[in-house]
PDB file of N, CA and C in Angstrom:
ATOM      1  N   UNK A   1      -1.442  -2.877  12.347  1.00  0.00           N
ATOM      2  CA  UNK A   1      -2.267  -3.919  11.913  1.00  0.00           C
ATOM      3  C   UNK A   1      -3.514  -3.868  12.855  1.00  0.00           C
ATOM      4  N   UNK A   2      -4.341  -4.808  12.763  1.00  0.00           N
ATOM      5  CA  UNK A   2      -5.522  -5.009  13.614  1.00  0.00           C
ATOM      6  C   UNK A   2      -5.417  -6.157  14.633  1.00  0.00           C
ATOM      7  N   UNK A   3      -6.312  -6.003  15.602  1.00  0.00           N
ATOM      8  CA  UNK A   3      -6.457  -7.073  16.569  1.00  0.00           C
ATOM      9  C   UNK A   3      -7.635  -7.947  16.233  1.00  0.00           C
ATOM     10  N   UNK A   4      -8.516  -7.593  15.339  1.00  0.00           N
ATOM     11  CA  UNK A   4      -9.712  -8.297  14.850  1.00  0.00           C
ATOM     12  C   UNK A   4      -9.334  -9.595  14.234  1.00  0.00           C
ATOM     13  N   UNK A   5      -9.509 -10.639  15.034  1.00  0.00           N
ATOM     14  CA  UNK A   5      -9.159 -11.910  14.531  1.00  0.00           C
ATOM     15  C   UNK A   5      -9.897 -12.488  13.313  1.00  0.00           C
ATOM     16  N   UNK A   6     -11.180 -12.130  13.201  1.00  0.00           N
ATOM     17  CA  UNK A   6     -12.009 -12.506  11.970  1.00  0.00           C
ATOM     18  C   UNK A   6     -11.450 -11.742  10.793  1.00  0.00           C
ATOM     19  N   UNK A   7     -10.977 -10.637  10.869  1.00  0.00           N
ATOM     20  CA  UNK A   7     -10.450  -9.876   9.751  1.00  0.00           C
ATOM     21  C   UNK A   7      -9.157 -10.445   9.282  1.00  0.00           C
ATOM     22  N   UNK A   8      -8.228 -10.715  10.316  1.00  0.00           N
ATOM     23  CA  UNK A   8      -6.954 -11.355  10.091  1.00  0.00           C
ATOM     24  C   UNK A   8      -7.155 -12.659   9.382  1.00  0.00           C
ATOM     25  N   UNK A   9      -8.042 -13.467   9.819  1.00  0.00           N
ATOM     26  CA  UNK A   9      -8.357 -14.802   9.203  1.00  0.00           C
ATOM     27  C   UNK A   9      -8.807 -14.616   7.763  1.00  0.00           C
ATOM     28  N   UNK A  10      -9.672 -13.649   7.502  1.00  0.00           N
ATOM     29  CA  UNK A  10     -10.215 -13.428   6.200  1.00  0.00           C
ATOM     30  C   UNK A  10      -9.142 -12.919   5.193  1.00  0.00           C
ATOM     31  N   UNK A  11      -8.231 -12.138   5.679  1.00  0.00           N
ATOM     32  CA  UNK A  11      -7.103 -11.610   4.930  1.00  0.00           C
ATOM     33  C   UNK A  11      -6.258 -12.799   4.562  1.00  0.00           C
ATOM     34  N   UNK A  12      -5.914 -13.572   5.578  1.00  0.00           N
ATOM     35  CA  UNK A  12      -5.052 -14.799   5.320  1.00  0.00           C
ATOM     36  C   UNK A  12      -5.674 -15.745   4.380  1.00  0.00           C
ATOM     37  N   UNK A  13      -6.959 -16.011   4.428  1.00  0.00           N
ATOM     38  CA  UNK A  13      -7.640 -16.861   3.536  1.00  0.00           C
ATOM     39  C   UNK A  13      -7.631 -16.260   2.115  1.00  0.00           C
ATOM     40  N   UNK A  14      -7.902 -15.004   1.989  1.00  0.00           N
ATOM     41  CA  UNK A  14      -7.885 -14.308   0.680  1.00  0.00           C
ATOM     42  C   UNK A  14      -6.444 -14.385   0.027  1.00  0.00           C
ATOM     43  N   UNK A  15      -5.432 -14.226   0.880  1.00  0.00           N
ATOM     44  CA  UNK A  15      -4.037 -14.271   0.365  1.00  0.00           C
ATOM     45  C   UNK A  15      -3.645 -15.727  -0.066  1.00  0.00           C
ATOM     46  N   UNK A  16      -4.175 -16.548   0.598  1.00  0.00           N
ATOM     47  CA  UNK A  16      -3.941 -18.024   0.188  1.00  0.00           C
ATOM     48  C   UNK A  16      -4.615 -18.417  -1.199  1.00  0.00           C
ATOM     49  N   UNK A  17      -5.811 -17.836  -1.413  1.00  0.00           N
ATOM     50  CA  UNK A  17      -6.403 -17.947  -2.727  1.00  0.00           C
ATOM     51  C   UNK A  17      -5.860 -17.183  -3.848  1.00  0.00           C
ATOM     52  N   UNK A  18      -5.487 -15.939  -3.559  1.00  0.00           N
ATOM     53  CA  UNK A  18      -5.050 -14.970  -4.638  1.00  0.00           C
ATOM     54  C   UNK A  18      -3.506 -15.044  -4.846  1.00  0.00           C
ATOM     55  N   UNK A  19      -2.844 -15.454  -3.775  1.00  0.00           N
ATOM     56  CA  UNK A  19      -1.380 -15.661  -3.849  1.00  0.00           C
ATOM     57  C   UNK A  19      -0.678 -14.305  -4.284  1.00  0.00           C
ATOM     58  N   UNK A  20      -0.887 -13.259  -3.517  1.00  0.00           N
ATOM     59  CA  UNK A  20      -0.163 -12.013  -3.937  1.00  0.00           C
ATOM     60  C   UNK A  20       1.286 -12.119  -3.542  1.00  0.00           C
ATOM     61  N   UNK A  21       2.146 -11.303  -4.142  1.00  0.00           N
ATOM     62  CA  UNK A  21       3.519 -11.109  -3.720  1.00  0.00           C
ATOM     63  C   UNK A  21       3.681 -10.670  -2.282  1.00  0.00           C
ATOM     64  N   UNK A  22       2.766  -9.855  -1.822  1.00  0.00           N
ATOM     65  CA  UNK A  22       2.809  -9.361  -0.504  1.00  0.00           C
ATOM     66  C   UNK A  22       1.445  -8.812  -0.134  1.00  0.00           C
ATOM     67  N   UNK A  23       1.328  -8.648   1.099  1.00  0.00           N
ATOM     68  CA  UNK A  23       0.115  -8.064   1.700  1.00  0.00           C
ATOM     69  C   UNK A  23       0.594  -6.840   2.498  1.00  0.00           C
ATOM     70  N   UNK A  24      -0.155  -5.698   2.252  1.00  0.00           N
ATOM     71  CA  UNK A  24       0.234  -4.445   3.027  1.00  0.00           C
ATOM     72  C   UNK A  24      -1.062  -3.949   3.737  1.00  0.00           C
ATOM     73  N   UNK A  25      -0.778  -3.820   5.105  1.00  0.00           N
ATOM     74  CA  UNK A  25      -1.878  -3.268   5.959  1.00  0.00           C
ATOM     75  C   UNK A  25      -1.742  -1.712   5.981  1.00  0.00           C
ATOM     76  N   UNK A  26      -2.678  -1.010   5.465  1.00  0.00           N
ATOM     77  CA  UNK A  26      -2.714   0.490   5.485  1.00  0.00           C
ATOM     78  C   UNK A  26      -2.983   1.052   6.849  1.00  0.00           C
ATOM     79  N   UNK A  27      -2.064   1.891   7.240  1.00  0.00           N
ATOM     80  CA  UNK A  27      -2.302   2.697   8.416  1.00  0.00           C
ATOM     81  C   UNK A  27      -2.675   4.195   8.276  1.00  0.00           C
ATOM     82  N   UNK A  28      -2.549   4.655   7.156  1.00  0.00           N
ATOM     83  CA  UNK A  28      -2.999   5.973   6.818  1.00  0.00           C
ATOM     84  C   UNK A  28      -2.018   6.970   7.214  1.00  0.00           C
ATOM     85  N   UNK A  29      -0.817   6.701   7.641  1.00  0.00           N
ATOM     86  CA  UNK A  29       0.130   7.593   8.123  1.00  0.00           C
ATOM     87  C   UNK A  29       0.798   8.391   6.932  1.00  0.00           C
ATOM     88  N   UNK A  30       1.400   9.565   7.209  1.00  0.00           N
ATOM     89  CA  UNK A  30       2.092  10.305   6.150  1.00  0.00           C
ATOM     90  C   UNK A  30       3.264   9.568   5.660  1.00  0.00           C
ATOM     91  N   UNK A  31       3.993   8.862   6.497  1.00  0.00           N
ATOM     92  CA  UNK A  31       5.139   7.961   6.112  1.00  0.00           C
ATOM     93  C   UNK A  31       4.649   6.857   5.143  1.00  0.00           C
ATOM     94  N   UNK A  32       3.523   6.349   5.332  1.00  0.00           N
ATOM     95  CA  UNK A  32       3.029   5.359   4.457  1.00  0.00           C
ATOM     96  C   UNK A  32       2.682   6.029   3.079  1.00  0.00           C
ATOM     97  N   UNK A  33       2.028   7.285   3.145  1.00  0.00           N
ATOM     98  CA  UNK A  33       1.768   7.999   1.969  1.00  0.00           C
ATOM     99  C   UNK A  33       2.935   8.234   1.209  1.00  0.00           C
ATOM    100  N   UNK A  34       4.021   8.778   1.837  1.00  0.00           N
ATOM    101  CA  UNK A  34       5.307   9.037   1.120  1.00  0.00           C
ATOM    102  C   UNK A  34       5.765   7.825   0.387  1.00  0.00           C
ATOM    103  N   UNK A  35       5.756   6.720   1.139  1.00  0.00           N
ATOM    104  CA  UNK A  35       6.382   5.461   0.746  1.00  0.00           C
ATOM    105  C   UNK A  35       5.635   4.926  -0.510  1.00  0.00           C
ATOM    106  N   UNK A  36       4.267   4.902  -0.532  1.00  0.00           N
ATOM    107  CA  UNK A  36       3.547   4.448  -1.675  1.00  0.00           C
ATOM    108  C   UNK A  36       3.601   5.408  -2.830  1.00  0.00           C
ATOM    109  N   UNK A  37       3.681   6.710  -2.654  1.00  0.00           N
ATOM    110  CA  UNK A  37       3.893   7.619  -3.751  1.00  0.00           C
ATOM    111  C   UNK A  37       5.299   7.431  -4.396  1.00  0.00           C
ATOM    112  N   UNK A  38       6.253   7.191  -3.590  1.00  0.00           N
ATOM    113  CA  UNK A  38       7.657   6.985  -4.186  1.00  0.00           C
ATOM    114  C   UNK A  38       7.656   5.742  -4.870  1.00  0.00           C
ATOM    115  N   UNK A  39       7.015   4.667  -4.460  1.00  0.00           N
ATOM    116  CA  UNK A  39       6.917   3.423  -5.184  1.00  0.00           C
ATOM    117  C   UNK A  39       6.231   3.690  -6.612  1.00  0.00           C
ATOM    118  N   UNK A  40       5.156   4.405  -6.589  1.00  0.00           N
ATOM    119  CA  UNK A  40       4.526   4.727  -7.854  1.00  0.00           C
ATOM    120  C   UNK A  40       5.436   5.518  -8.770  1.00  0.00           C
ATOM    121  N   UNK A  41       6.171   6.495  -8.266  1.00  0.00           N
ATOM    122  CA  UNK A  41       7.155   7.246  -9.117  1.00  0.00           C
ATOM    123  C   UNK A  41       8.273   6.367  -9.512  1.00  0.00           C
ATOM    124  N   UNK A  42       8.790   5.518  -8.756  1.00  0.00           N
ATOM    125  CA  UNK A  42       9.915   4.621  -9.150  1.00  0.00           C
ATOM    126  C   UNK A  42       9.520   3.663 -10.222  1.00  0.00           C
ATOM    127  N   UNK A  43       8.262   3.097 -10.080  1.00  0.00           N
ATOM    128  CA  UNK A  43       7.691   2.134 -11.085  1.00  0.00           C
ATOM    129  C   UNK A  43       7.232   2.717 -12.360  1.00  0.00           C
ATOM    130  N   UNK A  44       7.161   4.189 -12.392  1.00  0.00           N
ATOM    131  CA  UNK A  44       6.833   4.821 -13.601  1.00  0.00           C
ATOM    132  C   UNK A  44       5.245   5.025 -13.783  1.00  0.00           C
ATOM    133  N   UNK A  45       4.536   4.636 -12.719  1.00  0.00           N
ATOM    134  CA  UNK A  45       3.050   4.781 -12.695  1.00  0.00           C
ATOM    135  C   UNK A  45       2.739   6.286 -12.511  1.00  0.00           C
ATOM    136  N   UNK A  46       3.489   7.077 -11.695  1.00  0.00           N
ATOM    137  CA  UNK A  46       3.305   8.442 -11.497  1.00  0.00           C
ATOM    138  C   UNK A  46       4.513   9.202 -12.009  1.00  0.00           C
ATOM    139  N   UNK A  47       4.205  10.325 -12.523  1.00  0.00           N
ATOM    140  CA  UNK A  47       5.334  11.267 -12.926  1.00  0.00           C
ATOM    141  C   UNK A  47       5.224  12.559 -12.108  1.00  0.00           C
ATOM    142  N   UNK A  48       6.252  12.994 -11.358  1.00  0.00           N
ATOM    143  CA  UNK A  48       6.151  14.112 -10.597  1.00  0.00           C
ATOM    144  C   UNK A  48       6.102  15.393 -11.547  1.00  0.00           C
ATOM    145  N   UNK A  49       5.210  16.344 -11.204  1.00  0.00           N
ATOM    146  CA  UNK A  49       5.169  17.518 -11.886  1.00  0.00           C
ATOM    147  C   UNK A  49       6.019  18.614 -11.395  1.00  0.00           C
ATOM    148  N   UNK A  50       6.946  19.171 -12.175  1.00  0.00           N
ATOM    149  CA  UNK A  50       7.894  20.097 -11.638  1.00  0.00           C
ATOM    150  C   UNK A  50       7.416  21.376 -11.219  1.00  0.00           C
ATOM    151  N   UNK A  51       6.303  21.906 -11.814  1.00  0.00           N
ATOM    152  CA  UNK A  51       5.767  23.256 -11.525  1.00  0.00           C
ATOM    153  C   UNK A  51       4.849  23.189 -10.355  1.00  0.00           C
ATOM    154  N   UNK A  52       4.424  22.087  -9.826  1.00  0.00           N
ATOM    155  CA  UNK A  52       3.566  21.903  -8.785  1.00  0.00           C
ATOM    156  C   UNK A  52       4.102  20.959  -7.679  1.00  0.00           C
ATOM    157  N   UNK A  53       4.446  21.566  -6.507  1.00  0.00           N
ATOM    158  CA  UNK A  53       5.039  20.750  -5.476  1.00  0.00           C
ATOM    159  C   UNK A  53       4.162  19.675  -5.024  1.00  0.00           C
ATOM    160  N   UNK A  54       4.555  18.451  -4.775  1.00  0.00           N
ATOM    161  CA  UNK A  54       3.734  17.242  -4.215  1.00  0.00           C
ATOM    162  C   UNK A  54       2.599  16.916  -5.250  1.00  0.00           C
ATOM    163  N   UNK A  55       2.909  17.112  -6.481  1.00  0.00           N
ATOM    164  CA  UNK A  55       1.981  16.621  -7.577  1.00  0.00           C
ATOM    165  C   UNK A  55       2.581  15.548  -8.436  1.00  0.00           C
TER     166      UNK A  55
END
């Protein structure tokens, strides 16, 4: 997450207005990438290609 209080306040205000199910702070890690890709596969948004690894 961030230590920038203005950014945190802005995100909180936007979340109150938009009322999302959740808020995710991106950190750019490989673990986060794998988790987001898996969520897309599980939901059916992505279909893994068998002939190309990591596609």
